[in-house]
Amino acid sequence: MVTVTNRAGAIHPVWFVFWAFFLCASIYFLFDSVGDVLSPELQDGSTTWNRVVWYVGHAVVASPILLIAPFQFMPGLRQSRPALHRWLGRVFLASCMIAGLLGVYLGATISLPGSRIPLTLLGSIWFCFAAIAWQAARRRDFVNHRRFAIRALALGGAFVWVRIINRMQGEIFAFMPIEDLQETTKEWLTLFLPILITEVWLNWGPTVRKLFAR
């Protein structure tokens, strides 16, 4: 999630590929998920208010995250236009916090019992990461601000990761004969994998490289 630069200070081309993939996948799955929730078949026990309105609100609030993130994590904007970076950062983190709270409600009321805990945890942790990043910026602790903003982005992209897993669910979980078990495992992976990959990138990887360096 961190923009990598080469020795000359230019952004490595792999990050343009990453952001292009992330944006395209986000937009595709966003329209796909909104189309699903607006379909006439709602989950058991749901109504237009407690499902559609909350879900669409969650999607609308989270949408700016997808567009702002590529600019916020590229060093050029931070260095050349710090005021713009700060205002975009406020919108980014506020969207994460509001969408996280809406996600807590949606996770707690989903019809699949096995999905409630991981989705509720995901929304709660997402809110906390964004709130910590906000407070770190206020305290001018920009190292922790950056780290927790990256963590917030990783969980903000969870709806992309879960749908990528969903496309391959039959093959990945072929050893699980029960569909509800597959769904529950998918939701836990959606919470666990972004956090794991982010921590490997931010903390564990650099520590291991130092420990095993010649």
N, C-alpha and C. Protein backbone atom coordinates (compact mmCIF):
# COMPACT_ATOMS: atom_id res chain seq x y z
N MET A 1 0.80 -1.19 0.00
CA MET A 1 0.00 0.00 0.00
C MET A 1 0.85 1.27 0.00
N VAL A 2 2.14 1.14 0.20
CA VAL A 2 3.02 2.29 0.21
C VAL A 2 3.56 2.49 -1.19
N THR A 3 3.64 3.73 -1.62
CA THR A 3 4.20 4.00 -2.93
C THR A 3 5.71 3.85 -2.87
N VAL A 4 6.24 3.03 -3.75
CA VAL A 4 7.68 2.76 -3.76
C VAL A 4 8.33 3.63 -4.83
N THR A 5 9.46 4.20 -4.50
CA THR A 5 10.22 5.00 -5.46
C THR A 5 11.56 4.34 -5.72
N ASN A 6 12.12 4.59 -6.88
CA ASN A 6 13.44 4.06 -7.18
C ASN A 6 14.50 5.02 -6.68
N ARG A 7 15.74 4.73 -6.98
CA ARG A 7 16.84 5.54 -6.43
C ARG A 7 16.81 6.97 -6.94
N ALA A 8 16.27 7.17 -8.12
CA ALA A 8 16.21 8.52 -8.67
C ALA A 8 15.03 9.31 -8.11
N GLY A 9 14.19 8.66 -7.30
CA GLY A 9 13.05 9.34 -6.71
C GLY A 9 11.77 9.19 -7.50
N ALA A 10 11.83 8.54 -8.66
CA ALA A 10 10.63 8.34 -9.47
C ALA A 10 9.82 7.18 -8.92
N ILE A 11 8.52 7.24 -9.14
CA ILE A 11 7.64 6.17 -8.67
C ILE A 11 7.85 4.93 -9.53
N HIS A 12 7.99 3.80 -8.89
CA HIS A 12 8.21 2.54 -9.61
C HIS A 12 6.98 2.21 -10.44
N PRO A 13 7.16 1.78 -11.68
CA PRO A 13 6.01 1.49 -12.55
C PRO A 13 5.04 0.46 -11.97
N VAL A 14 5.52 -0.46 -11.12
CA VAL A 14 4.63 -1.49 -10.59
C VAL A 14 3.49 -0.87 -9.79
N TRP A 15 3.72 0.31 -9.20
CA TRP A 15 2.67 0.94 -8.40
C TRP A 15 1.59 1.56 -9.26
N PHE A 16 1.94 2.01 -10.46
CA PHE A 16 0.91 2.47 -11.38
C PHE A 16 0.01 1.31 -11.77
N VAL A 17 0.62 0.15 -11.98
CA VAL A 17 -0.16 -1.05 -12.32
C VAL A 17 -1.07 -1.43 -11.15
N PHE A 18 -0.50 -1.38 -9.92
CA PHE A 18 -1.29 -1.73 -8.74
C PHE A 18 -2.49 -0.80 -8.59
N TRP A 19 -2.26 0.52 -8.67
CA TRP A 19 -3.36 1.45 -8.47
C TRP A 19 -4.39 1.35 -9.59
N ALA A 20 -3.93 1.12 -10.83
CA ALA A 20 -4.88 0.95 -11.93
C ALA A 20 -5.76 -0.27 -11.70
N PHE A 21 -5.15 -1.38 -11.27
CA PHE A 21 -5.93 -2.59 -10.97
C PHE A 21 -6.89 -2.35 -9.81
N PHE A 22 -6.39 -1.69 -8.76
CA PHE A 22 -7.22 -1.44 -7.58
C PHE A 22 -8.43 -0.58 -7.93
N LEU A 23 -8.21 0.48 -8.70
CA LEU A 23 -9.32 1.36 -9.07
C LEU A 23 -10.33 0.67 -9.96
N CYS A 24 -9.84 -0.04 -10.97
CA CYS A 24 -10.75 -0.74 -11.89
C CYS A 24 -11.55 -1.80 -11.15
N ALA A 25 -10.88 -2.59 -10.29
CA ALA A 25 -11.57 -3.61 -9.52
C ALA A 25 -12.57 -2.98 -8.56
N SER A 26 -12.20 -1.86 -7.94
CA SER A 26 -13.09 -1.20 -6.98
C SER A 26 -14.35 -0.71 -7.67
N ILE A 27 -14.19 -0.04 -8.81
CA ILE A 27 -15.35 0.50 -9.52
C ILE A 27 -16.24 -0.63 -10.01
N TYR A 28 -15.62 -1.68 -10.56
CA TYR A 28 -16.41 -2.82 -11.06
C TYR A 28 -17.22 -3.47 -9.95
N PHE A 29 -16.55 -3.79 -8.84
CA PHE A 29 -17.24 -4.48 -7.75
C PHE A 29 -18.21 -3.56 -7.02
N LEU A 30 -17.96 -2.24 -7.04
CA LEU A 30 -18.89 -1.30 -6.42
C LEU A 30 -20.23 -1.33 -7.16
N PHE A 31 -20.19 -1.22 -8.48
CA PHE A 31 -21.42 -1.27 -9.24
C PHE A 31 -22.07 -2.64 -9.15
N ASP A 32 -21.26 -3.67 -9.11
CA ASP A 32 -21.78 -5.03 -9.00
C ASP A 32 -22.50 -5.23 -7.67
N SER A 33 -21.92 -4.75 -6.58
CA SER A 33 -22.52 -4.95 -5.26
C SER A 33 -23.77 -4.09 -5.09
N VAL A 34 -23.76 -2.85 -5.60
CA VAL A 34 -24.95 -2.01 -5.51
C VAL A 34 -26.08 -2.62 -6.33
N GLY A 35 -25.73 -3.19 -7.49
CA GLY A 35 -26.75 -3.86 -8.29
C GLY A 35 -27.39 -5.03 -7.55
N ASP A 36 -26.57 -5.77 -6.80
CA ASP A 36 -27.10 -6.89 -6.04
C ASP A 36 -28.06 -6.43 -4.95
N VAL A 37 -27.68 -5.38 -4.23
CA VAL A 37 -28.49 -4.97 -3.09
C VAL A 37 -29.79 -4.30 -3.54
N LEU A 38 -29.79 -3.75 -4.75
CA LEU A 38 -31.01 -3.13 -5.27
C LEU A 38 -31.92 -4.12 -5.96
N SER A 39 -31.50 -5.37 -6.06
CA SER A 39 -32.34 -6.39 -6.67
C SER A 39 -33.55 -6.65 -5.78
N PRO A 40 -34.65 -7.13 -6.35
CA PRO A 40 -35.87 -7.33 -5.55
C PRO A 40 -35.74 -8.40 -4.48
N GLU A 41 -34.75 -9.28 -4.56
CA GLU A 41 -34.59 -10.35 -3.58
C GLU A 41 -33.67 -9.89 -2.46
N LEU A 42 -34.26 -9.53 -1.33
CA LEU A 42 -33.48 -9.14 -0.17
C LEU A 42 -33.23 -10.34 0.71
N GLN A 43 -32.27 -10.22 1.61
CA GLN A 43 -31.99 -11.34 2.52
C GLN A 43 -33.15 -11.53 3.48
N ASP A 44 -33.23 -12.69 4.10
CA ASP A 44 -34.33 -13.00 5.01
C ASP A 44 -34.41 -11.97 6.14
N GLY A 45 -35.62 -11.49 6.39
CA GLY A 45 -35.84 -10.57 7.50
C GLY A 45 -35.44 -9.14 7.23
N SER A 46 -35.02 -8.82 6.01
CA SER A 46 -34.57 -7.46 5.72
C SER A 46 -35.70 -6.64 5.12
N THR A 47 -35.55 -5.34 5.23
CA THR A 47 -36.48 -4.41 4.62
C THR A 47 -35.68 -3.40 3.80
N THR A 48 -36.40 -2.59 3.05
CA THR A 48 -35.70 -1.57 2.26
C THR A 48 -34.88 -0.66 3.16
N TRP A 49 -35.40 -0.32 4.33
CA TRP A 49 -34.69 0.58 5.23
C TRP A 49 -33.45 -0.08 5.85
N ASN A 50 -33.65 -1.22 6.49
CA ASN A 50 -32.53 -1.77 7.27
C ASN A 50 -31.49 -2.47 6.42
N ARG A 51 -31.72 -2.58 5.11
CA ARG A 51 -30.71 -3.20 4.26
C ARG A 51 -30.26 -2.26 3.14
N VAL A 52 -31.23 -1.89 2.27
CA VAL A 52 -30.86 -1.14 1.08
C VAL A 52 -30.33 0.24 1.44
N VAL A 53 -31.06 0.99 2.28
CA VAL A 53 -30.66 2.36 2.60
C VAL A 53 -29.29 2.37 3.28
N TRP A 54 -29.11 1.49 4.26
CA TRP A 54 -27.84 1.45 4.97
C TRP A 54 -26.70 1.00 4.05
N TYR A 55 -26.98 0.02 3.20
CA TYR A 55 -25.93 -0.51 2.33
C TYR A 55 -25.52 0.53 1.29
N VAL A 56 -26.51 1.18 0.66
CA VAL A 56 -26.19 2.20 -0.33
C VAL A 56 -25.47 3.37 0.33
N GLY A 57 -25.91 3.74 1.55
CA GLY A 57 -25.22 4.80 2.28
C GLY A 57 -23.77 4.44 2.56
N HIS A 58 -23.55 3.19 2.94
CA HIS A 58 -22.20 2.69 3.19
C HIS A 58 -21.36 2.79 1.92
N ALA A 59 -21.93 2.38 0.79
CA ALA A 59 -21.19 2.40 -0.48
C ALA A 59 -20.89 3.82 -0.92
N VAL A 60 -21.87 4.73 -0.76
CA VAL A 60 -21.67 6.12 -1.19
C VAL A 60 -20.60 6.80 -0.35
N VAL A 61 -20.64 6.58 0.96
CA VAL A 61 -19.65 7.20 1.85
C VAL A 61 -18.25 6.65 1.58
N ALA A 62 -18.16 5.35 1.27
CA ALA A 62 -16.85 4.72 1.06
C ALA A 62 -16.26 5.03 -0.31
N SER A 63 -17.09 5.48 -1.27
CA SER A 63 -16.59 5.69 -2.63
C SER A 63 -15.43 6.67 -2.73
N PRO A 64 -15.45 7.82 -2.01
CA PRO A 64 -14.30 8.74 -2.13
C PRO A 64 -12.97 8.11 -1.76
N ILE A 65 -13.01 7.09 -0.89
CA ILE A 65 -11.76 6.43 -0.49
C ILE A 65 -11.04 5.88 -1.71
N LEU A 66 -11.80 5.30 -2.64
CA LEU A 66 -11.21 4.66 -3.80
C LEU A 66 -10.54 5.67 -4.72
N LEU A 67 -11.13 6.86 -4.83
CA LEU A 67 -10.59 7.86 -5.74
C LEU A 67 -9.45 8.66 -5.11
N ILE A 68 -9.52 8.86 -3.80
CA ILE A 68 -8.53 9.70 -3.12
C ILE A 68 -7.24 8.94 -2.85
N ALA A 69 -7.35 7.65 -2.52
CA ALA A 69 -6.21 6.87 -2.06
C ALA A 69 -4.99 6.94 -2.98
N PRO A 70 -5.13 6.76 -4.30
CA PRO A 70 -3.93 6.79 -5.15
C PRO A 70 -3.15 8.10 -5.05
N PHE A 71 -3.86 9.22 -4.87
CA PHE A 71 -3.19 10.51 -4.78
C PHE A 71 -2.54 10.70 -3.41
N GLN A 72 -3.22 10.23 -2.36
CA GLN A 72 -2.71 10.44 -1.01
C GLN A 72 -1.42 9.67 -0.74
N PHE A 73 -1.27 8.51 -1.39
CA PHE A 73 -0.11 7.68 -1.10
C PHE A 73 1.03 7.87 -2.09
N MET A 74 0.92 8.88 -2.94
CA MET A 74 2.03 9.22 -3.83
C MET A 74 2.74 10.45 -3.27
N PRO A 75 4.07 10.40 -3.12
CA PRO A 75 4.79 11.47 -2.44
C PRO A 75 4.73 12.82 -3.13
N GLY A 76 4.50 12.85 -4.44
CA GLY A 76 4.50 14.11 -5.17
C GLY A 76 3.47 15.10 -4.66
N LEU A 77 2.25 14.64 -4.40
CA LEU A 77 1.19 15.53 -3.93
C LEU A 77 1.49 16.05 -2.54
N ARG A 78 1.96 15.18 -1.66
CA ARG A 78 2.28 15.60 -0.29
C ARG A 78 3.33 16.69 -0.29
N GLN A 79 4.30 16.59 -1.19
CA GLN A 79 5.41 17.55 -1.20
C GLN A 79 5.07 18.84 -1.93
N SER A 80 4.31 18.73 -3.03
CA SER A 80 4.05 19.92 -3.85
C SER A 80 2.81 20.69 -3.39
N ARG A 81 1.80 19.98 -2.87
CA ARG A 81 0.56 20.65 -2.45
C ARG A 81 0.12 20.11 -1.09
N PRO A 82 0.82 20.48 -0.04
CA PRO A 82 0.49 19.93 1.29
C PRO A 82 -0.92 20.28 1.76
N ALA A 83 -1.42 21.48 1.41
CA ALA A 83 -2.77 21.86 1.84
C ALA A 83 -3.81 20.95 1.20
N LEU A 84 -3.66 20.67 -0.10
CA LEU A 84 -4.59 19.77 -0.78
C LEU A 84 -4.51 18.37 -0.18
N HIS A 85 -3.27 17.94 0.11
CA HIS A 85 -3.09 16.62 0.74
C HIS A 85 -3.82 16.54 2.07
N ARG A 86 -3.77 17.61 2.86
CA ARG A 86 -4.45 17.60 4.16
C ARG A 86 -5.96 17.53 4.01
N TRP A 87 -6.52 18.30 3.09
CA TRP A 87 -7.98 18.29 2.91
C TRP A 87 -8.47 16.96 2.35
N LEU A 88 -7.74 16.41 1.38
CA LEU A 88 -8.11 15.10 0.87
C LEU A 88 -7.98 14.04 1.96
N GLY A 89 -6.96 14.19 2.82
CA GLY A 89 -6.78 13.26 3.92
C GLY A 89 -7.94 13.30 4.89
N ARG A 90 -8.47 14.50 5.16
CA ARG A 90 -9.63 14.61 6.05
C ARG A 90 -10.84 13.89 5.47
N VAL A 91 -11.06 14.10 4.16
CA VAL A 91 -12.19 13.42 3.51
C VAL A 91 -11.99 11.91 3.53
N PHE A 92 -10.76 11.47 3.25
CA PHE A 92 -10.44 10.05 3.23
C PHE A 92 -10.70 9.41 4.58
N LEU A 93 -10.16 9.99 5.66
CA LEU A 93 -10.29 9.38 6.98
C LEU A 93 -11.71 9.50 7.51
N ALA A 94 -12.38 10.63 7.24
CA ALA A 94 -13.78 10.76 7.68
C ALA A 94 -14.66 9.73 6.98
N SER A 95 -14.42 9.51 5.69
CA SER A 95 -15.18 8.50 4.95
C SER A 95 -14.93 7.11 5.53
N CYS A 96 -13.68 6.82 5.87
CA CYS A 96 -13.36 5.52 6.47
C CYS A 96 -14.11 5.33 7.78
N MET A 97 -14.14 6.36 8.63
CA MET A 97 -14.78 6.22 9.93
C MET A 97 -16.29 6.05 9.81
N ILE A 98 -16.92 6.87 8.96
CA ILE A 98 -18.38 6.76 8.79
C ILE A 98 -18.74 5.43 8.14
N ALA A 99 -18.01 5.06 7.08
CA ALA A 99 -18.29 3.79 6.41
C ALA A 99 -18.03 2.61 7.34
N GLY A 100 -17.02 2.74 8.22
CA GLY A 100 -16.76 1.68 9.18
C GLY A 100 -17.90 1.49 10.15
N LEU A 101 -18.47 2.59 10.64
CA LEU A 101 -19.61 2.49 11.56
C LEU A 101 -20.83 1.90 10.86
N LEU A 102 -21.08 2.31 9.63
CA LEU A 102 -22.18 1.71 8.87
C LEU A 102 -21.92 0.22 8.63
N GLY A 103 -20.64 -0.12 8.41
CA GLY A 103 -20.28 -1.52 8.21
C GLY A 103 -20.53 -2.37 9.45
N VAL A 104 -20.34 -1.76 10.64
CA VAL A 104 -20.62 -2.48 11.88
C VAL A 104 -22.10 -2.88 11.92
N TYR A 105 -22.98 -1.95 11.58
CA TYR A 105 -24.42 -2.25 11.57
C TYR A 105 -24.74 -3.32 10.54
N LEU A 106 -24.21 -3.17 9.33
CA LEU A 106 -24.50 -4.14 8.28
C LEU A 106 -23.98 -5.52 8.64
N GLY A 107 -22.79 -5.57 9.25
CA GLY A 107 -22.24 -6.86 9.64
C GLY A 107 -23.04 -7.51 10.75
N ALA A 108 -23.52 -6.70 11.70
CA ALA A 108 -24.27 -7.25 12.83
C ALA A 108 -25.65 -7.73 12.44
N THR A 109 -26.18 -7.24 11.31
CA THR A 109 -27.55 -7.59 10.91
C THR A 109 -27.62 -8.49 9.68
N ILE A 110 -26.46 -8.95 9.20
CA ILE A 110 -26.47 -9.81 8.02
C ILE A 110 -27.16 -11.14 8.35
N SER A 111 -27.77 -11.75 7.36
CA SER A 111 -28.58 -12.95 7.62
C SER A 111 -27.73 -14.17 7.95
N LEU A 112 -26.47 -14.20 7.52
CA LEU A 112 -25.61 -15.36 7.77
C LEU A 112 -24.97 -15.24 9.15
N PRO A 113 -25.33 -16.07 10.12
CA PRO A 113 -24.78 -15.93 11.48
C PRO A 113 -23.26 -16.02 11.53
N GLY A 114 -22.68 -16.88 10.70
CA GLY A 114 -21.24 -17.05 10.73
C GLY A 114 -20.46 -15.86 10.21
N SER A 115 -21.14 -14.95 9.52
CA SER A 115 -20.46 -13.77 8.96
C SER A 115 -20.54 -12.56 9.88
N ARG A 116 -21.37 -12.63 10.91
CA ARG A 116 -21.61 -11.43 11.72
C ARG A 116 -20.38 -10.98 12.49
N ILE A 117 -19.69 -11.91 13.14
CA ILE A 117 -18.53 -11.51 13.95
C ILE A 117 -17.40 -10.94 13.09
N PRO A 118 -16.95 -11.63 12.01
CA PRO A 118 -15.85 -11.06 11.23
C PRO A 118 -16.19 -9.72 10.58
N LEU A 119 -17.43 -9.56 10.09
CA LEU A 119 -17.79 -8.30 9.45
C LEU A 119 -17.93 -7.17 10.46
N THR A 120 -18.46 -7.48 11.64
CA THR A 120 -18.56 -6.46 12.68
C THR A 120 -17.17 -6.05 13.16
N LEU A 121 -16.28 -7.02 13.32
CA LEU A 121 -14.90 -6.71 13.69
C LEU A 121 -14.21 -5.87 12.62
N LEU A 122 -14.45 -6.21 11.37
CA LEU A 122 -13.83 -5.48 10.27
C LEU A 122 -14.23 -4.01 10.31
N GLY A 123 -15.54 -3.74 10.45
CA GLY A 123 -16.00 -2.36 10.52
C GLY A 123 -15.43 -1.63 11.72
N SER A 124 -15.36 -2.31 12.86
CA SER A 124 -14.86 -1.69 14.09
C SER A 124 -13.37 -1.35 13.97
N ILE A 125 -12.58 -2.30 13.48
CA ILE A 125 -11.13 -2.08 13.36
C ILE A 125 -10.85 -1.02 12.30
N TRP A 126 -11.62 -1.02 11.23
CA TRP A 126 -11.47 0.00 10.18
C TRP A 126 -11.69 1.39 10.77
N PHE A 127 -12.76 1.54 11.56
CA PHE A 127 -13.02 2.82 12.21
C PHE A 127 -11.85 3.21 13.11
N CYS A 128 -11.35 2.27 13.89
CA CYS A 128 -10.27 2.56 14.83
C CYS A 128 -8.99 2.96 14.11
N PHE A 129 -8.63 2.26 13.03
CA PHE A 129 -7.43 2.61 12.28
C PHE A 129 -7.52 4.04 11.75
N ALA A 130 -8.68 4.40 11.19
CA ALA A 130 -8.85 5.74 10.63
C ALA A 130 -8.82 6.80 11.73
N ALA A 131 -9.44 6.51 12.88
CA ALA A 131 -9.45 7.46 13.99
C ALA A 131 -8.04 7.68 14.54
N ILE A 132 -7.25 6.61 14.63
CA ILE A 132 -5.87 6.73 15.10
C ILE A 132 -5.04 7.54 14.11
N ALA A 133 -5.24 7.30 12.81
CA ALA A 133 -4.51 8.06 11.79
C ALA A 133 -4.86 9.54 11.88
N TRP A 134 -6.12 9.85 12.13
CA TRP A 134 -6.56 11.25 12.27
C TRP A 134 -5.88 11.90 13.48
N GLN A 135 -5.92 11.21 14.61
CA GLN A 135 -5.32 11.76 15.83
C GLN A 135 -3.81 11.91 15.68
N ALA A 136 -3.17 10.95 15.02
CA ALA A 136 -1.72 11.05 14.81
C ALA A 136 -1.38 12.27 13.97
N ALA A 137 -2.21 12.57 12.96
CA ALA A 137 -1.96 13.76 12.14
C ALA A 137 -2.13 15.02 12.98
N ARG A 138 -3.14 15.04 13.85
CA ARG A 138 -3.35 16.20 14.72
C ARG A 138 -2.16 16.42 15.65
N ARG A 139 -1.55 15.32 16.09
CA ARG A 139 -0.38 15.42 16.97
C ARG A 139 0.92 15.57 16.17
N ARG A 140 0.79 15.64 14.85
CA ARG A 140 1.95 15.77 13.95
C ARG A 140 2.90 14.59 14.07
N ASP A 141 2.33 13.45 14.40
CA ASP A 141 3.08 12.19 14.42
C ASP A 141 2.86 11.53 13.05
N PHE A 142 3.62 12.00 12.06
CA PHE A 142 3.32 11.62 10.69
C PHE A 142 3.77 10.20 10.36
N VAL A 143 4.68 9.66 11.14
CA VAL A 143 5.07 8.26 10.92
C VAL A 143 3.87 7.34 11.22
N ASN A 144 3.27 7.51 12.40
CA ASN A 144 2.12 6.68 12.74
C ASN A 144 0.88 7.06 11.93
N HIS A 145 0.77 8.33 11.57
CA HIS A 145 -0.34 8.75 10.71
C HIS A 145 -0.32 7.96 9.40
N ARG A 146 0.85 7.91 8.79
CA ARG A 146 0.99 7.19 7.52
C ARG A 146 0.71 5.70 7.68
N ARG A 147 1.22 5.11 8.74
CA ARG A 147 1.05 3.67 8.95
C ARG A 147 -0.42 3.30 9.16
N PHE A 148 -1.11 4.08 9.96
CA PHE A 148 -2.51 3.74 10.23
C PHE A 148 -3.42 4.13 9.06
N ALA A 149 -3.02 5.14 8.27
CA ALA A 149 -3.78 5.44 7.06
C ALA A 149 -3.65 4.28 6.06
N ILE A 150 -2.47 3.69 5.98
CA ILE A 150 -2.28 2.53 5.12
C ILE A 150 -3.13 1.36 5.60
N ARG A 151 -3.18 1.14 6.91
CA ARG A 151 -4.01 0.07 7.46
C ARG A 151 -5.48 0.32 7.17
N ALA A 152 -5.91 1.59 7.27
CA ALA A 152 -7.30 1.92 6.98
C ALA A 152 -7.63 1.65 5.51
N LEU A 153 -6.69 1.97 4.62
CA LEU A 153 -6.91 1.70 3.21
C LEU A 153 -7.03 0.20 2.96
N ALA A 154 -6.17 -0.58 3.62
CA ALA A 154 -6.19 -2.04 3.42
C ALA A 154 -7.57 -2.61 3.77
N LEU A 155 -8.16 -2.15 4.88
CA LEU A 155 -9.48 -2.64 5.24
C LEU A 155 -10.57 -1.98 4.40
N GLY A 156 -10.31 -0.75 3.93
CA GLY A 156 -11.28 -0.10 3.05
C GLY A 156 -11.45 -0.84 1.74
N GLY A 157 -10.40 -1.53 1.32
CA GLY A 157 -10.49 -2.33 0.09
C GLY A 157 -11.02 -3.73 0.32
N ALA A 158 -11.55 -3.99 1.52
CA ALA A 158 -12.00 -5.35 1.84
C ALA A 158 -13.10 -5.82 0.91
N PHE A 159 -13.96 -4.88 0.47
CA PHE A 159 -15.05 -5.32 -0.41
C PHE A 159 -14.52 -5.78 -1.76
N VAL A 160 -13.31 -5.32 -2.12
CA VAL A 160 -12.67 -5.83 -3.34
C VAL A 160 -12.10 -7.21 -3.08
N TRP A 161 -11.37 -7.35 -1.96
CA TRP A 161 -10.74 -8.64 -1.67
C TRP A 161 -11.80 -9.74 -1.52
N VAL A 162 -12.93 -9.41 -0.85
CA VAL A 162 -13.93 -10.45 -0.60
C VAL A 162 -14.58 -10.89 -1.91
N ARG A 163 -14.72 -9.99 -2.85
CA ARG A 163 -15.34 -10.38 -4.11
C ARG A 163 -14.38 -11.11 -5.03
N ILE A 164 -13.09 -10.82 -4.91
CA ILE A 164 -12.10 -11.61 -5.65
C ILE A 164 -12.09 -13.04 -5.12
N ILE A 165 -12.11 -13.18 -3.78
CA ILE A 165 -12.19 -14.52 -3.19
C ILE A 165 -13.48 -15.20 -3.61
N ASN A 166 -14.57 -14.43 -3.65
CA ASN A 166 -15.87 -15.01 -3.98
C ASN A 166 -15.88 -15.58 -5.40
N ARG A 167 -15.16 -14.94 -6.31
CA ARG A 167 -15.12 -15.42 -7.69
C ARG A 167 -14.44 -16.79 -7.77
N MET A 168 -13.53 -17.07 -6.82
CA MET A 168 -12.79 -18.33 -6.84
C MET A 168 -13.16 -19.22 -5.66
N GLN A 169 -14.29 -18.93 -5.03
CA GLN A 169 -14.65 -19.62 -3.80
C GLN A 169 -14.77 -21.12 -3.98
N GLY A 170 -15.37 -21.55 -5.08
CA GLY A 170 -15.55 -22.98 -5.32
C GLY A 170 -14.23 -23.73 -5.41
N GLU A 171 -13.23 -23.11 -6.03
CA GLU A 171 -11.94 -23.75 -6.18
C GLU A 171 -11.12 -23.67 -4.89
N ILE A 172 -11.14 -22.50 -4.23
CA ILE A 172 -10.33 -22.33 -3.02
C ILE A 172 -10.84 -23.22 -1.89
N PHE A 173 -12.16 -23.29 -1.75
CA PHE A 173 -12.75 -24.03 -0.63
C PHE A 173 -13.39 -25.34 -1.09
N ALA A 174 -12.80 -25.93 -2.11
CA ALA A 174 -13.37 -27.18 -2.63
C ALA A 174 -13.37 -28.30 -1.59
N PHE A 175 -12.47 -28.21 -0.61
CA PHE A 175 -12.39 -29.24 0.43
C PHE A 175 -13.45 -29.05 1.50
N MET A 176 -14.21 -27.94 1.43
CA MET A 176 -15.29 -27.70 2.39
C MET A 176 -16.62 -28.01 1.73
N PRO A 177 -17.32 -29.05 2.15
CA PRO A 177 -18.55 -29.43 1.48
C PRO A 177 -19.75 -28.56 1.85
N ILE A 178 -19.65 -27.78 2.93
CA ILE A 178 -20.79 -27.00 3.41
C ILE A 178 -20.64 -25.55 2.95
N GLU A 179 -21.65 -25.04 2.25
CA GLU A 179 -21.57 -23.69 1.69
C GLU A 179 -21.49 -22.62 2.77
N ASP A 180 -22.24 -22.77 3.87
CA ASP A 180 -22.19 -21.79 4.95
C ASP A 180 -20.79 -21.71 5.57
N LEU A 181 -20.09 -22.85 5.64
CA LEU A 181 -18.73 -22.86 6.15
C LEU A 181 -17.80 -22.11 5.21
N GLN A 182 -18.02 -22.25 3.92
CA GLN A 182 -17.23 -21.50 2.94
C GLN A 182 -17.45 -20.00 3.11
N GLU A 183 -18.71 -19.60 3.30
CA GLU A 183 -19.01 -18.18 3.46
C GLU A 183 -18.34 -17.61 4.71
N THR A 184 -18.42 -18.35 5.81
CA THR A 184 -17.81 -17.89 7.05
C THR A 184 -16.30 -17.76 6.91
N THR A 185 -15.67 -18.75 6.29
CA THR A 185 -14.22 -18.71 6.09
C THR A 185 -13.84 -17.53 5.20
N LYS A 186 -14.62 -17.29 4.18
CA LYS A 186 -14.35 -16.16 3.28
C LYS A 186 -14.39 -14.84 4.04
N GLU A 187 -15.38 -14.66 4.91
CA GLU A 187 -15.49 -13.41 5.67
C GLU A 187 -14.30 -13.24 6.62
N TRP A 188 -13.87 -14.32 7.25
CA TRP A 188 -12.71 -14.22 8.14
C TRP A 188 -11.45 -13.89 7.36
N LEU A 189 -11.30 -14.48 6.17
CA LEU A 189 -10.14 -14.16 5.34
C LEU A 189 -10.16 -12.71 4.90
N THR A 190 -11.36 -12.17 4.65
CA THR A 190 -11.48 -10.78 4.25
C THR A 190 -10.97 -9.85 5.34
N LEU A 191 -11.18 -10.23 6.59
CA LEU A 191 -10.66 -9.45 7.71
C LEU A 191 -9.17 -9.71 7.93
N PHE A 192 -8.77 -10.98 7.87
CA PHE A 192 -7.43 -11.38 8.28
C PHE A 192 -6.37 -11.05 7.24
N LEU A 193 -6.63 -11.33 5.97
CA LEU A 193 -5.59 -11.19 4.95
C LEU A 193 -5.11 -9.75 4.76
N PRO A 194 -6.00 -8.74 4.67
CA PRO A 194 -5.48 -7.37 4.53
C PRO A 194 -4.60 -6.95 5.70
N ILE A 195 -5.00 -7.32 6.92
CA ILE A 195 -4.21 -6.97 8.09
C ILE A 195 -2.86 -7.69 8.06
N LEU A 196 -2.89 -8.98 7.72
CA LEU A 196 -1.66 -9.77 7.67
C LEU A 196 -0.68 -9.19 6.65
N ILE A 197 -1.17 -8.95 5.42
CA ILE A 197 -0.29 -8.46 4.36
C ILE A 197 0.27 -7.08 4.71
N THR A 198 -0.57 -6.23 5.29
CA THR A 198 -0.13 -4.89 5.66
C THR A 198 0.94 -4.94 6.75
N GLU A 199 0.74 -5.79 7.74
CA GLU A 199 1.73 -5.88 8.82
C GLU A 199 3.04 -6.49 8.32
N VAL A 200 2.96 -7.45 7.41
CA VAL A 200 4.18 -8.00 6.81
C VAL A 200 4.94 -6.89 6.10
N TRP A 201 4.20 -6.06 5.37
CA TRP A 201 4.83 -4.98 4.60
C TRP A 201 5.44 -3.92 5.52
N LEU A 202 4.69 -3.52 6.54
CA LEU A 202 5.12 -2.40 7.37
C LEU A 202 6.14 -2.79 8.44
N ASN A 203 5.94 -3.95 9.06
CA ASN A 203 6.72 -4.29 10.25
C ASN A 203 7.52 -5.57 10.13
N TRP A 204 6.84 -6.67 9.86
CA TRP A 204 7.51 -7.96 9.93
C TRP A 204 8.57 -8.11 8.85
N GLY A 205 8.26 -7.69 7.63
CA GLY A 205 9.22 -7.83 6.54
C GLY A 205 10.52 -7.08 6.80
N PRO A 206 10.45 -5.76 7.11
CA PRO A 206 11.69 -5.03 7.40
C PRO A 206 12.47 -5.62 8.57
N THR A 207 11.76 -6.09 9.60
CA THR A 207 12.44 -6.69 10.75
C THR A 207 13.18 -7.96 10.35
N VAL A 208 12.53 -8.80 9.57
CA VAL A 208 13.16 -10.06 9.13
C VAL A 208 14.36 -9.76 8.24
N ARG A 209 14.25 -8.77 7.36
CA ARG A 209 15.38 -8.43 6.48
C ARG A 209 16.60 -7.97 7.29
N LYS A 210 16.33 -7.19 8.34
CA LYS A 210 17.44 -6.74 9.19
C LYS A 210 18.07 -7.90 9.95
N LEU A 211 17.22 -8.80 10.47
CA LEU A 211 17.73 -9.90 11.27
C LEU A 211 18.55 -10.88 10.44
N PHE A 212 18.17 -11.07 9.18
CA PHE A 212 18.85 -12.06 8.35
C PHE A 212 19.80 -11.43 7.33
N ALA A 213 20.00 -10.12 7.44
CA ALA A 213 20.95 -9.47 6.53
C ALA A 213 22.37 -9.87 6.90
N ARG A 214 23.23 -9.93 5.90
CA ARG A 214 24.64 -10.26 6.15
C ARG A 214 25.32 -9.13 6.91
